[in-house]
């Protein structure tokens, strides 16, 4: 049950971070947050290392956010702006 609770919390965190922004920095930051949440959630389900999933997912998400532009993926204004 602890894994289910953790997955629910991670899902809520990902929804709260679901905004890309217009600048490369905003897109990389939101991508890192979403990637870290997704990587951790994946490892919760598969029994892998939570920290490892967060790091790998965060790096992949940051790269994806920085390498895309608003015309490719646009999830709106970041919650921190």
C-alpha atoms as a PDB file:
ATOM      1  CA  UNK A   1       0.000   0.000   0.000  1.00  0.00           C
ATOM      2  CA  UNK A   2       2.913   2.322   0.581  1.00  0.00           C
ATOM      3  CA  UNK A   3       3.800   2.095  -3.120  1.00  0.00           C
ATOM      4  CA  UNK A   4       0.247   2.992  -4.106  1.00  0.00           C
ATOM      5  CA  UNK A   5       0.310   6.053  -1.869  1.00  0.00           C
ATOM      6  CA  UNK A   6       3.682   7.120  -3.265  1.00  0.00           C
ATOM      7  CA  UNK A   7       2.449   6.698  -6.827  1.00  0.00           C
ATOM      8  CA  UNK A   8      -0.620   8.814  -6.072  1.00  0.00           C
ATOM      9  CA  UNK A   9       1.547  11.582  -4.597  1.00  0.00           C
ATOM     10  CA  UNK A  10       3.872  11.509  -7.589  1.00  0.00           C
ATOM     11  CA  UNK A  11       0.945  11.724  -9.969  1.00  0.00           C
ATOM     12  CA  UNK A  12      -0.386  14.792  -8.166  1.00  0.00           C
ATOM     13  CA  UNK A  13       3.061  16.381  -8.267  1.00  0.00           C
ATOM     14  CA  UNK A  14       3.346  15.733 -12.006  1.00  0.00           C
ATOM     15  CA  UNK A  15      -0.029  17.334 -12.632  1.00  0.00           C
ATOM     16  CA  UNK A  16       1.091  20.396 -10.661  1.00  0.00           C
ATOM     17  CA  UNK A  17       4.241  20.655 -12.748  1.00  0.00           C
ATOM     18  CA  UNK A  18       2.495  20.169 -16.074  1.00  0.00           C
ATOM     19  CA  UNK A  19       3.436  23.423 -17.761  1.00  0.00           C
ATOM     20  CA  UNK A  20       6.208  24.023 -20.227  1.00  0.00           C
ATOM     21  CA  UNK A  21       6.569  27.770 -20.676  1.00  0.00           C
ATOM     22  CA  UNK A  22       8.163  29.688 -23.489  1.00  0.00           C
ATOM     23  CA  UNK A  23      11.826  30.018 -22.547  1.00  0.00           C
ATOM     24  CA  UNK A  24      14.369  27.220 -22.787  1.00  0.00           C
ATOM     25  CA  UNK A  25      14.948  27.445 -19.033  1.00  0.00           C
ATOM     26  CA  UNK A  26      11.257  27.132 -18.171  1.00  0.00           C
ATOM     27  CA  UNK A  27      10.838  24.233 -20.550  1.00  0.00           C
ATOM     28  CA  UNK A  28      13.906  22.439 -19.186  1.00  0.00           C
ATOM     29  CA  UNK A  29      12.790  22.991 -15.577  1.00  0.00           C
ATOM     30  CA  UNK A  30       9.247  21.745 -16.108  1.00  0.00           C
ATOM     31  CA  UNK A  31      10.535  18.854 -18.226  1.00  0.00           C
ATOM     32  CA  UNK A  32      12.935  17.872 -15.448  1.00  0.00           C
ATOM     33  CA  UNK A  33      10.120  17.872 -12.898  1.00  0.00           C
ATOM     34  CA  UNK A  34       7.825  15.807 -15.061  1.00  0.00           C
ATOM     35  CA  UNK A  35      10.625  13.427 -16.017  1.00  0.00           C
ATOM     36  CA  UNK A  36      11.702  12.925 -12.411  1.00  0.00           C
ATOM     37  CA  UNK A  37       8.133  12.200 -11.355  1.00  0.00           C
ATOM     38  CA  UNK A  38       7.643   9.821 -14.261  1.00  0.00           C
ATOM     39  CA  UNK A  39      10.935   8.023 -13.684  1.00  0.00           C
ATOM     40  CA  UNK A  40      10.198   7.599 -10.003  1.00  0.00           C
ATOM     41  CA  UNK A  41       6.668   6.376 -10.695  1.00  0.00           C
ATOM     42  CA  UNK A  42       8.002   3.846 -13.197  1.00  0.00           C
ATOM     43  CA  UNK A  43      10.474   2.515 -10.660  1.00  0.00           C
ATOM     44  CA  UNK A  44       7.787   2.359  -7.968  1.00  0.00           C
ATOM     45  CA  UNK A  45       5.835   0.044 -10.247  1.00  0.00           C
ATOM     46  CA  UNK A  46       8.820  -2.056 -11.331  1.00  0.00           C
ATOM     47  CA  UNK A  47      10.621  -2.221  -7.983  1.00  0.00           C
ATOM     48  CA  UNK A  48      13.699  -0.289  -9.133  1.00  0.00           C
ATOM     49  CA  UNK A  49      15.673   2.409  -7.355  1.00  0.00           C
ATOM     50  CA  UNK A  50      13.532   5.481  -6.691  1.00  0.00           C
ATOM     51  CA  UNK A  51      16.488   7.858  -6.697  1.00  0.00           C
ATOM     52  CA  UNK A  52      17.856   6.335  -9.891  1.00  0.00           C
ATOM     53  CA  UNK A  53      14.492   6.700 -11.606  1.00  0.00           C
ATOM     54  CA  UNK A  54      14.209  10.324 -10.506  1.00  0.00           C
ATOM     55  CA  UNK A  55      17.702  11.186 -11.761  1.00  0.00           C
ATOM     56  CA  UNK A  56      17.378   9.453 -15.129  1.00  0.00           C
ATOM     57  CA  UNK A  57      13.840  10.724 -15.671  1.00  0.00           C
ATOM     58  CA  UNK A  58      14.807  14.239 -14.620  1.00  0.00           C
ATOM     59  CA  UNK A  59      17.746  14.359 -17.005  1.00  0.00           C
ATOM     60  CA  UNK A  60      15.686  12.996 -19.882  1.00  0.00           C
ATOM     61  CA  UNK A  61      12.853  15.410 -19.152  1.00  0.00           C
ATOM     62  CA  UNK A  62      15.178  18.399 -18.918  1.00  0.00           C
ATOM     63  CA  UNK A  63      16.761  17.487 -22.237  1.00  0.00           C
ATOM     64  CA  UNK A  64      13.369  17.017 -23.886  1.00  0.00           C
ATOM     65  CA  UNK A  65      12.128  20.345 -22.529  1.00  0.00           C
ATOM     66  CA  UNK A  66      15.239  22.220 -23.609  1.00  0.00           C
ATOM     67  CA  UNK A  67      15.334  20.642 -27.074  1.00  0.00           C
ATOM     68  CA  UNK A  68      11.697  21.325 -27.961  1.00  0.00           C
ATOM     69  CA  UNK A  69      10.009  24.619 -28.633  1.00  0.00           C
ATOM     70  CA  UNK A  70       6.544  26.000 -27.963  1.00  0.00           C
ATOM     71  CA  UNK A  71       5.369  24.976 -31.423  1.00  0.00           C
ATOM     72  CA  UNK A  72       6.299  21.341 -30.782  1.00  0.00           C
ATOM     73  CA  UNK A  73       4.863  20.914 -27.258  1.00  0.00           C
ATOM     74  CA  UNK A  74       2.888  23.617 -25.468  1.00  0.00           C
ATOM     75  CA  UNK A  75       1.341  22.786 -22.121  1.00  0.00           C
ATOM     76  CA  UNK A  76       0.782  26.407 -21.142  1.00  0.00           C
ATOM     77  CA  UNK A  77       2.249  28.849 -18.677  1.00  0.00           C
ATOM     78  CA  UNK A  78       4.370  27.395 -15.838  1.00  0.00           C
ATOM     79  CA  UNK A  79       2.837  27.542 -12.371  1.00  0.00           C
ATOM     80  CA  UNK A  80       5.842  29.502 -11.065  1.00  0.00           C
ATOM     81  CA  UNK A  81       5.227  32.449 -13.457  1.00  0.00           C
END
